Protein backbone atom coordinates (compact mmCIF):
# COMPACT_ATOMS: atom_id res chain seq x y z
CA UNK A 1 -51.16 -5.55 4.07
CA UNK A 2 -50.17 -8.57 6.13
CA UNK A 3 -52.78 -9.61 8.71
CA UNK A 4 -51.83 -11.39 11.93
CA UNK A 5 -54.06 -13.36 14.30
CA UNK A 6 -53.16 -13.55 18.02
CA UNK A 7 -54.99 -16.37 19.80
CA UNK A 8 -55.17 -15.97 23.57
CA UNK A 9 -55.07 -18.39 26.49
CA UNK A 10 -58.21 -19.74 28.13
CA UNK A 11 -58.10 -23.54 28.62
CA UNK A 12 -61.38 -25.12 27.43
CA UNK A 13 -62.64 -21.76 26.21
CA UNK A 14 -60.00 -22.04 23.51
CA UNK A 15 -62.25 -24.13 21.30
CA UNK A 16 -63.95 -20.78 20.60
CA UNK A 17 -60.89 -19.92 18.51
CA UNK A 18 -61.95 -22.53 15.95
CA UNK A 19 -65.30 -20.87 15.32
CA UNK A 20 -63.69 -17.42 15.20
CA UNK A 21 -61.08 -18.49 12.65
CA UNK A 22 -63.61 -20.18 10.38
CA UNK A 23 -65.99 -17.21 10.63
CA UNK A 24 -63.19 -14.76 9.75
CA UNK A 25 -62.35 -16.81 6.68
CA UNK A 26 -66.01 -16.84 5.61
CA UNK A 27 -65.97 -13.07 6.03
CA UNK A 28 -63.13 -12.91 3.53
CA UNK A 29 -60.37 -12.07 6.01
CA UNK A 30 -57.07 -13.57 4.86
CA UNK A 31 -54.85 -14.42 7.82
CA UNK A 32 -51.17 -14.31 6.93
CA UNK A 33 -49.42 -15.04 10.24
CA UNK A 34 -50.57 -16.69 13.48
CA UNK A 35 -49.41 -16.50 17.09
CA UNK A 36 -50.87 -18.40 20.02
CA UNK A 37 -50.54 -18.83 23.76
CA UNK A 38 -51.60 -21.93 25.72
CA UNK A 39 -54.80 -23.31 24.13
CA UNK A 40 -54.35 -20.59 21.51
CA UNK A 41 -51.04 -22.25 20.61
CA UNK A 42 -52.77 -25.64 20.38
CA UNK A 43 -55.48 -24.39 18.03
CA UNK A 44 -53.11 -22.04 16.22
CA UNK A 45 -50.67 -24.85 15.43
CA UNK A 46 -53.45 -26.87 13.81
CA UNK A 47 -54.62 -23.83 11.82
CA UNK A 48 -51.12 -22.90 10.67
CA UNK A 49 -50.65 -26.54 9.61
CA UNK A 50 -53.85 -26.50 7.53
CA UNK A 51 -55.54 -29.08 9.76
CA UNK A 52 -58.09 -27.03 11.69
CA UNK A 53 -61.12 -28.92 10.40
CA UNK A 54 -59.71 -32.23 11.62
CA UNK A 55 -59.10 -30.74 15.06
CA UNK A 56 -62.65 -29.43 15.14
CA UNK A 57 -64.15 -32.83 14.31
CA UNK A 58 -62.10 -34.52 17.04
CA UNK A 59 -62.83 -31.84 19.65
CA UNK A 60 -66.57 -31.95 18.95
CA UNK A 61 -66.57 -35.74 19.41
CA UNK A 62 -65.22 -35.62 22.97
CA UNK A 63 -67.44 -36.49 25.93
CA UNK A 64 -66.74 -35.30 29.47
CA UNK A 65 -65.54 -38.80 30.42
CA UNK A 66 -63.18 -38.93 27.45
CA UNK A 67 -61.73 -35.60 28.52
CA UNK A 68 -61.11 -37.03 31.99
CA UNK A 69 -59.26 -39.99 30.50
CA UNK A 70 -57.22 -37.82 28.13
CA UNK A 71 -56.11 -35.50 30.93
CA UNK A 72 -54.33 -38.36 32.69
CA UNK A 73 -55.20 -37.17 36.20
CA UNK A 74 -52.95 -38.86 38.76
CA UNK A 75 -50.23 -38.54 41.35
CA UNK A 76 -47.14 -36.87 39.86
CA UNK A 77 -44.65 -34.14 40.61
CA UNK A 78 -45.30 -30.64 39.31
CA UNK A 79 -48.97 -31.07 38.39
CA UNK A 80 -52.05 -33.19 38.91
CA UNK A 81 -52.47 -34.14 35.24
CA UNK A 82 -50.12 -35.07 32.42
CA UNK A 83 -52.27 -34.26 29.38
CA UNK A 84 -49.73 -36.23 27.33
CA UNK A 85 -52.36 -37.96 25.21
CA UNK A 86 -53.79 -34.59 24.18
CA UNK A 87 -50.43 -33.36 22.93
CA UNK A 88 -49.59 -36.68 21.28
CA UNK A 89 -52.87 -36.38 19.37
CA UNK A 90 -51.91 -32.90 18.15
CA UNK A 91 -48.46 -34.04 17.06
CA UNK A 92 -49.67 -37.14 15.23
CA UNK A 93 -52.75 -35.77 13.45
CA UNK A 94 -53.15 -32.00 13.57
CA UNK A 95 -49.71 -30.39 13.45
CA UNK A 96 -46.59 -30.38 11.28
CA UNK A 97 -43.34 -31.54 12.81
CA UNK A 98 -41.55 -28.19 12.44
CA UNK A 99 -42.43 -24.51 12.26
CA UNK A 100 -40.91 -24.25 8.80
CA UNK A 101 -43.26 -26.95 7.44
CA UNK A 102 -46.41 -25.02 8.38
CA UNK A 103 -48.36 -23.30 5.62
CA UNK A 104 -48.53 -20.05 7.63
CA UNK A 105 -45.80 -18.47 9.78
CA UNK A 106 -46.55 -19.38 13.38
CA UNK A 107 -45.15 -18.50 16.81
CA UNK A 108 -45.96 -19.47 20.37
CA UNK A 109 -44.81 -18.40 23.82
CA UNK A 110 -44.01 -20.12 27.13
CA UNK A 111 -42.69 -18.82 30.46
CA UNK A 112 -39.33 -19.62 32.02
CA UNK A 113 -40.29 -20.83 35.49
CA UNK A 114 -37.18 -19.42 37.19
CA UNK A 115 -36.42 -16.17 35.36
CA UNK A 116 -40.03 -15.22 34.63
CA UNK A 117 -39.15 -14.29 31.06
CA UNK A 118 -41.22 -15.18 28.03
CA UNK A 119 -39.68 -17.76 25.73
CA UNK A 120 -40.70 -17.47 22.08
CA UNK A 121 -40.75 -20.37 19.61
CA UNK A 122 -41.10 -19.73 15.88
CA UNK A 123 -38.54 -21.97 14.20
CA UNK A 124 -37.12 -25.47 14.38
CA UNK A 125 -38.89 -28.66 15.50
CA UNK A 126 -42.26 -28.30 17.19
CA UNK A 127 -41.32 -30.97 19.74
CA UNK A 128 -42.72 -30.10 23.14
CA UNK A 129 -43.02 -26.34 22.53
CA UNK A 130 -46.83 -26.40 22.27
CA UNK A 131 -47.05 -28.50 25.43
CA UNK A 132 -44.81 -25.99 27.22
CA UNK A 133 -47.06 -23.11 26.18
CA UNK A 134 -50.07 -25.03 27.55
CA UNK A 135 -48.51 -26.10 30.88
CA UNK A 136 -50.97 -24.43 33.26
CA UNK A 137 -49.18 -24.13 36.64
CA UNK A 138 -50.20 -26.82 39.16
CA UNK A 139 -52.54 -28.48 36.64
CA UNK A 140 -49.85 -29.67 34.20
CA UNK A 141 -46.24 -30.35 35.14
CA UNK A 142 -43.59 -27.93 33.85
CA UNK A 143 -41.88 -28.97 30.62
CA UNK A 144 -38.11 -29.43 30.50
CA UNK A 145 -36.81 -27.76 27.35
CA UNK A 146 -33.06 -27.45 26.98
CA UNK A 147 -31.77 -26.05 30.26
CA UNK A 148 -35.10 -24.48 31.20
CA UNK A 149 -38.28 -25.47 32.99
CA UNK A 150 -41.20 -23.94 31.10
CA UNK A 151 -44.80 -23.26 32.10
CA UNK A 152 -47.87 -21.70 30.49
CA UNK A 153 -47.12 -18.65 28.35
CA UNK A 154 -50.24 -17.01 29.81
CA UNK A 155 -48.26 -16.20 32.95
CA UNK A 156 -46.48 -13.41 31.06
CA UNK A 157 -48.19 -12.98 27.67
CA UNK A 158 -51.77 -14.32 27.49
CA UNK A 159 -52.60 -12.67 24.12
CA UNK A 160 -49.36 -12.56 22.08
CA UNK A 161 -49.94 -9.53 19.87
CA UNK A 162 -46.21 -8.78 19.87
CA UNK A 163 -45.44 -12.15 18.28
CA UNK A 164 -47.64 -11.30 15.31
CA UNK A 165 -45.68 -8.05 14.90
CA UNK A 166 -42.42 -10.01 15.08
CA UNK A 167 -43.69 -12.25 12.28
CA UNK A 168 -44.23 -9.18 10.10
CA UNK A 169 -47.94 -8.42 10.60
CA UNK A 170 -49.06 -4.89 9.70
CA UNK A 171 -52.57 -5.40 11.10
CA UNK A 172 -53.31 -7.60 14.13
CA UNK A 173 -56.59 -9.20 15.16
CA UNK A 174 -56.42 -10.44 18.77
CA UNK A 175 -58.74 -12.80 20.63
CA UNK A 176 -59.00 -12.43 24.41
CA UNK A 177 -60.95 -15.31 25.99
CA UNK A 178 -60.76 -14.05 29.59
CA UNK A 179 -62.26 -10.59 29.28
CA UNK A 180 -65.24 -11.61 31.42
CA UNK A 181 -63.02 -11.89 34.49
CA UNK A 182 -61.80 -8.32 34.70
CA UNK A 183 -62.07 -7.13 38.31
CA UNK A 184 -64.55 -4.37 37.42
CA UNK A 185 -67.00 -6.95 36.06
CA UNK A 186 -66.65 -9.69 38.67
CA UNK A 187 -69.47 -8.45 40.90
CA UNK A 188 -71.98 -8.32 38.07
CA UNK A 189 -71.04 -11.81 36.90
CA UNK A 190 -70.70 -13.43 40.33
CA UNK A 191 -73.38 -16.11 39.80
CA UNK A 192 -71.89 -17.28 36.51
CA UNK A 193 -68.43 -17.20 38.05
CA UNK A 194 -69.47 -19.32 41.06
CA UNK A 195 -71.16 -21.87 38.80
CA UNK A 196 -68.00 -22.00 36.69
CA UNK A 197 -65.90 -22.73 39.78
CA UNK A 198 -68.37 -25.38 40.98
CA UNK A 199 -67.98 -27.24 37.69
CA UNK A 200 -64.18 -27.08 37.89
CA UNK A 201 -64.15 -28.26 41.51
CA UNK A 202 -66.61 -31.05 40.67
CA UNK A 203 -64.35 -32.32 37.87
CA UNK A 204 -61.30 -32.62 40.10
CA UNK A 205 -63.22 -33.88 43.13
CA UNK A 206 -64.37 -36.84 41.04
CA UNK A 207 -60.83 -37.51 39.88
CA UNK A 208 -59.29 -37.22 43.35
CA UNK A 209 -61.89 -39.39 45.06
CA UNK A 210 -61.60 -42.12 42.48
CA UNK A 211 -57.80 -42.11 42.71
CA UNK A 212 -57.98 -42.16 46.51
CA UNK A 213 -60.33 -45.13 46.36
CA UNK A 214 -58.18 -46.87 43.78
CA UNK A 215 -54.96 -46.60 45.78
CA UNK A 216 -56.43 -47.21 49.23
CA UNK A 217 -55.33 -50.46 50.98
CA UNK A 218 -58.91 -51.73 51.33
CA UNK A 219 -59.58 -51.23 47.64
CA UNK A 220 -56.40 -53.06 46.67
CA UNK A 221 -57.24 -55.94 49.03
CA UNK A 222 -60.76 -56.25 47.61
CA UNK A 223 -59.43 -56.23 44.05
CA UNK A 224 -56.85 -58.88 44.94
CA UNK A 225 -59.45 -61.13 46.54
CA UNK A 226 -61.67 -60.94 43.47
CA UNK A 227 -58.78 -61.64 41.14
CA UNK A 228 -57.65 -64.61 43.26
CA UNK A 229 -61.12 -66.14 43.01
CA UNK A 230 -61.39 -65.63 39.28
CA UNK A 231 -57.81 -66.54 38.29
CA UNK A 232 -56.18 -68.56 41.08
CA UNK A 233 -53.26 -69.61 38.89
CA UNK A 234 -52.64 -66.34 37.05
CA UNK A 235 -49.18 -64.84 37.10
CA UNK A 236 -48.89 -61.80 39.39
CA UNK A 237 -47.53 -59.67 36.57
CA UNK A 238 -50.78 -60.05 34.66
CA UNK A 239 -52.59 -58.22 37.45
CA UNK A 240 -50.62 -55.04 36.88
CA UNK A 241 -52.88 -52.60 35.11
CA UNK A 242 -51.69 -50.48 32.24
CA UNK A 243 -52.30 -46.73 32.06
CA UNK A 244 -55.13 -47.33 29.60
CA UNK A 245 -56.72 -49.86 31.97
CA UNK A 246 -56.54 -47.52 34.93
CA UNK A 247 -58.11 -44.73 32.90
CA UNK A 248 -60.98 -47.00 31.90
CA UNK A 249 -61.51 -48.13 35.50
CA UNK A 250 -61.47 -44.54 36.71
CA UNK A 251 -64.16 -43.62 34.22
CA UNK A 252 -66.29 -46.64 35.18
CA UNK A 253 -66.03 -45.88 38.88
CA UNK A 254 -66.89 -42.22 38.37
CA UNK A 255 -69.96 -43.09 36.32
CA UNK A 256 -71.16 -45.65 38.88
CA UNK A 257 -70.48 -43.91 42.16
CA UNK A 258 -70.94 -40.17 41.68
CA UNK A 259 -74.21 -38.32 41.54
CA UNK A 260 -74.86 -34.75 40.49
CA UNK A 261 -73.36 -32.16 42.84
CA UNK A 262 -75.96 -29.66 44.13
CA UNK A 263 -75.97 -26.34 42.30
CA UNK A 264 -75.96 -24.32 45.53
CA UNK A 265 -72.55 -24.07 47.13
CA UNK A 266 -72.19 -23.88 50.91
CA UNK A 267 -70.60 -20.47 51.22
CA UNK A 268 -69.51 -21.15 54.78
CA UNK A 269 -66.92 -23.56 53.45
CA UNK A 270 -63.77 -22.13 51.84
CA UNK A 271 -63.26 -22.79 48.11
CA UNK A 272 -61.37 -25.92 47.12
CA UNK A 273 -57.84 -25.98 45.81
CA UNK A 274 -58.87 -26.12 42.14
CA UNK A 275 -61.30 -23.23 42.54
CA UNK A 276 -58.59 -21.15 44.18
CA UNK A 277 -56.10 -22.05 41.45
CA UNK A 278 -58.41 -21.38 38.51
CA UNK A 279 -59.78 -18.13 39.97
CA UNK A 280 -56.27 -16.88 40.72
CA UNK A 281 -55.10 -17.70 37.21
CA UNK A 282 -58.09 -15.92 35.69
CA UNK A 283 -57.45 -12.78 37.72
CA UNK A 284 -53.73 -12.91 36.91
CA UNK A 285 -54.38 -13.38 33.20
CA UNK A 286 -56.94 -10.55 33.12
CA UNK A 287 -54.51 -8.12 34.73
CA UNK A 288 -51.51 -9.19 32.64
CA UNK A 289 -53.63 -9.07 29.48
CA UNK A 290 -54.83 -5.53 30.18
CA UNK A 291 -51.26 -4.40 30.79
CA UNK A 292 -49.87 -6.08 27.67
CA UNK A 293 -52.68 -4.89 25.40
CA UNK A 294 -52.32 -1.34 26.68
CA UNK A 295 -48.64 -1.37 25.75
CA UNK A 296 -49.14 -3.08 22.38
CA UNK A 297 -52.81 -2.79 21.36
CA UNK A 298 -54.14 -4.86 18.48
CA UNK A 299 -55.99 -3.23 15.61
CA UNK A 300 -59.08 -5.32 16.37
CA UNK A 301 -59.78 -6.93 19.76
CA UNK A 302 -62.30 -9.78 19.87
CA UNK A 303 -63.67 -10.72 23.30
CA UNK A 304 -66.28 -13.52 23.28
CA UNK A 305 -68.71 -13.78 26.21
CA UNK A 306 -67.71 -17.01 27.95
CA UNK A 307 -68.55 -16.57 31.63
CA UNK A 308 -70.37 -19.90 31.90
CA UNK A 309 -67.52 -22.05 30.58
CA UNK A 310 -65.30 -23.84 33.11
CA UNK A 311 -61.60 -24.28 32.41
CA UNK A 312 -61.93 -28.06 32.06
CA UNK A 313 -65.12 -28.23 29.97
CA UNK A 314 -63.37 -29.39 26.82
CA UNK A 315 -66.40 -31.52 25.95
CA UNK A 316 -68.34 -28.37 24.96
CA UNK A 317 -66.38 -27.82 21.74
CA UNK A 318 -69.38 -27.76 19.41
CA UNK A 319 -71.10 -25.12 21.51
CA UNK A 320 -67.93 -23.04 21.83
CA UNK A 321 -67.24 -23.14 18.09
CA UNK A 322 -70.75 -21.78 17.57
CA UNK A 323 -70.08 -19.02 20.12
CA UNK A 324 -67.00 -18.04 18.14
CA UNK A 325 -69.00 -17.79 14.93
CA UNK A 326 -71.70 -15.74 16.67
CA UNK A 327 -69.08 -13.35 18.03
CA UNK A 328 -67.71 -12.64 14.54
CA UNK A 329 -71.24 -12.24 13.18
CA UNK A 330 -71.85 -9.46 15.74
CA UNK A 331 -68.58 -7.73 14.84
CA UNK A 332 -68.67 -8.31 11.08
CA UNK A 333 -69.41 -4.71 10.09
CA UNK A 334 -66.74 -3.32 12.40
CA UNK A 335 -64.16 -5.76 11.06
CA UNK A 336 -65.00 -4.92 7.44
CA UNK A 337 -64.82 -1.19 8.17
CA UNK A 338 -61.46 -1.36 9.92
CA UNK A 339 -59.89 -3.56 7.28
CA UNK A 340 -61.08 -1.29 4.47
CA UNK A 341 -59.93 1.91 6.16
């Protein structure tokens, strides 16, 4: 029997996949084929390449400020962050250069921005296919691939069970990271949900305010005056900051000038743009996931409890890996029973 593993979308929650995979292997489950969407594609590519442990070590080393720098938040068309450094890291250290070079068959999915169709990748060069699958609308810019503009595969197929079937799996284990946001459960989990949105809004408020301060005329004039005093004879070209320099300055300014945002949110004010975007995506993914899983149900569905994890909290990798292991520990007997029968 060939076992497939479908790793679902979920942004920062996706580090949970690492703990789930490692716990399944400890349980004696042999995964034969892998399919992933969005962050599931990112983790799945590393796993299919035999480099999951390296990805785990790197992810667990990230601080919240390092995440901010890696995201490349700035002013650009199509999205407010590039994330290019994150995908360059995957390509250089944690992923093979082509699907054929991977030690396990692997597939990922993206969405054609104009036709709305899912675009499946399972052969040829990896290139920007993982980045396309992870291109969360409005957060990351769409990826140009051939004659298409591609965005996050979660728009049409958040948990790609069908891709595992296409790769020849007889038995599919699926991981849904967004089960906590089903409409029927939102009322019960409202406090966790609001705290989650506060964290997301806080992350982007810091980024936007720092960028606004950086590019404001007064800020530029102050910086120029300081530079003129320190280096009166320096060439003007030397004052142009590189991307790395800007990222470092952004981090320094955030650390110096921002204090903790109050836990209580003023409910008289409407939610910010990032809260609206992330909440809408979560609702969309929950509905699409339910529809897709109803039409093509997996043999085992794993749904970790992740209500308190914001979409940009990539610095919580160690905690999320542990949550993944705990989830499998709770389901161990059920998994053994279903695999044996």
